C-alpha cells in the first residue's frame, strides 16, 4: 500500500502527542522493531526500538512545557518529508529552547517508522 498523506499525518500527530505528553513508551511504539532514528546528521542513528525508548526516556526526564507542530512538505509511497517546530524548557537548567527542523521518515505497511532522519536548528535562552 505504501505511505499516504493521511497515514503520514497520523504518524506525525502521534509523534507530537507522545512528545508533548512526555510518554517515552508511546514515542518508541511508533517505530518498527529494527527502526532507526538519526537525531542529527553528525551522530550515528539509534538502532532498534530499545535504543529509541532509552532516548525518549531521557527526553521525558529533561524536557517540559513541550509544544510540537508540523507542516507536511511531500509524501511518496516510500517516505514523507515534513518541516517541524518545537518549543520546550530543558530542566533543571531552565533553558527555553526552540527547534525548527526537517524530518525525512520512512514507514512500513503497518504504520511503524523504519527510518527517521532529522535536521534542526536550535535557539536557547535562559528562562
Protein backbone atom coordinates (compact mmCIF):
# COMPACT_ATOMS: atom_id res chain seq x y z
CA UNK A 1 0.00 0.00 0.00
CA UNK A 2 2.75 2.50 0.88
CA UNK A 3 2.70 5.77 2.72
CA UNK A 4 -0.14 8.24 2.10
CA UNK A 5 -0.56 11.83 3.18
CA UNK A 6 -3.21 10.71 5.68
CA UNK A 7 -1.09 7.96 7.21
CA UNK A 8 1.93 10.29 7.41
CA UNK A 9 -0.16 12.97 9.10
CA UNK A 10 -1.49 10.38 11.55
CA UNK A 11 2.07 9.29 12.39
CA UNK A 12 3.20 12.91 12.93
CA UNK A 13 0.21 13.60 15.18
CA UNK A 14 1.02 10.57 17.35
CA UNK A 15 4.68 11.63 17.47
CA UNK A 16 3.70 15.11 18.65
CA UNK A 17 1.21 13.76 21.19
CA UNK A 18 3.80 11.37 22.65
CA UNK A 19 6.42 14.13 22.90
CA UNK A 20 4.04 16.67 24.45
CA UNK A 21 2.80 14.06 26.94
CA UNK A 22 6.42 13.07 27.72
CA UNK A 23 5.36 9.48 27.02
CA UNK A 24 8.54 7.64 26.03
CA UNK A 25 6.75 4.33 25.54
CA UNK A 26 4.21 5.86 23.14
CA UNK A 27 7.04 7.52 21.19
CA UNK A 28 9.00 4.26 20.91
CA UNK A 29 5.86 2.39 19.82
CA UNK A 30 5.83 4.47 16.64
CA UNK A 31 8.96 2.65 15.42
CA UNK A 32 9.48 -0.77 13.87
CA UNK A 33 11.45 -3.23 16.00
CA UNK A 34 14.55 -2.60 13.86
CA UNK A 35 13.76 1.06 13.10
CA UNK A 36 16.41 3.77 13.11
CA UNK A 37 16.29 7.31 14.42
CA UNK A 38 19.03 9.73 13.36
CA UNK A 39 18.71 12.76 15.64
CA UNK A 40 21.25 14.87 13.71
CA UNK A 41 23.33 14.15 10.61
CA UNK A 42 26.51 14.14 12.71
CA UNK A 43 25.66 11.22 15.02
CA UNK A 44 25.13 7.55 14.32
CA UNK A 45 21.45 6.60 14.14
CA UNK A 46 19.81 4.99 17.13
CA UNK A 47 19.11 1.41 16.08
CA UNK A 48 16.17 -0.61 17.32
CA UNK A 49 13.15 0.09 19.45
CA UNK A 50 15.04 -0.34 22.75
CA UNK A 51 17.64 2.34 21.88
CA UNK A 52 14.85 4.65 20.74
CA UNK A 53 12.95 4.04 24.01
CA UNK A 54 16.06 4.93 26.02
CA UNK A 55 16.46 8.15 24.04
CA UNK A 56 12.81 9.10 24.66
CA UNK A 57 13.11 8.23 28.36
CA UNK A 58 15.84 10.89 28.56
CA UNK A 59 13.66 13.38 26.66
CA UNK A 60 10.78 12.74 29.08
CA UNK A 61 13.06 13.41 32.06
CA UNK A 62 14.71 16.56 30.72
CA UNK A 63 12.04 18.46 28.76
CA UNK A 64 8.80 20.08 29.89
CA UNK A 65 6.23 22.57 28.59
CA UNK A 66 6.55 20.96 25.16
CA UNK A 67 4.77 22.24 22.09
CA UNK A 68 5.14 20.49 18.71
CA UNK A 69 3.84 21.48 15.29
CA UNK A 70 4.49 20.34 11.73
CA UNK A 71 3.82 21.04 8.08
CA UNK A 72 3.87 18.21 5.55
CA UNK A 73 6.06 19.14 2.59
CA UNK A 74 5.99 15.98 0.46
CA UNK A 75 4.82 12.38 0.56
CA UNK A 76 5.70 9.47 -1.71
CA UNK A 77 4.77 5.83 -1.20
CA UNK A 78 8.25 5.31 0.31
CA UNK A 79 8.72 8.33 2.60
CA UNK A 80 7.36 11.60 3.94
CA UNK A 81 9.07 14.93 4.44
CA UNK A 82 7.86 17.47 6.97
CA UNK A 83 9.02 20.74 8.43
CA UNK A 84 8.50 20.74 12.18
CA UNK A 85 8.94 23.07 15.10
CA UNK A 86 9.04 22.54 18.82
CA UNK A 87 9.46 24.59 21.94
CA UNK A 88 10.19 23.32 25.44
CA UNK A 89 12.11 24.01 28.61
CA UNK A 90 15.17 21.89 29.41
CA UNK A 91 15.33 21.04 33.11
CA UNK A 92 16.98 21.59 35.51
CA UNK A 93 18.89 24.37 33.68
CA UNK A 94 15.60 26.13 32.79
CA UNK A 95 16.75 26.69 29.19
CA UNK A 96 13.90 27.84 27.00
CA UNK A 97 14.51 26.01 23.73
CA UNK A 98 13.07 26.34 20.22
CA UNK A 99 13.78 23.92 17.41
CA UNK A 100 12.97 24.30 13.72
CA UNK A 101 13.70 21.27 11.60
CA UNK A 102 13.05 18.82 8.80
CA UNK A 103 12.05 15.15 9.09
CA UNK A 104 12.53 12.52 6.40
CA UNK A 105 10.57 9.48 7.51
CA UNK A 106 10.04 6.01 6.03
CA UNK A 107 7.11 3.99 7.37
CA UNK A 108 6.31 0.31 6.81
CA UNK A 109 2.90 -1.06 5.77
CA UNK A 110 1.98 -1.47 9.44
CA UNK A 111 2.46 2.26 10.07
CA UNK A 112 5.71 1.84 12.03
CA UNK A 113 8.69 4.06 11.30
CA UNK A 114 11.59 2.17 9.76
CA UNK A 115 13.86 5.21 9.37
CA UNK A 116 13.69 8.76 10.68
CA UNK A 117 16.34 11.33 9.84
CA UNK A 118 16.12 14.88 11.13
CA UNK A 119 17.93 18.17 10.76
CA UNK A 120 17.21 21.07 13.08
CA UNK A 121 18.35 24.46 14.24
CA UNK A 122 18.20 25.34 17.94
CA UNK A 123 17.68 28.64 19.75
CA UNK A 124 18.06 28.74 23.54
CA UNK A 125 17.66 31.39 26.22
CA UNK A 126 17.73 31.30 30.00
CA UNK A 127 14.27 31.47 31.45
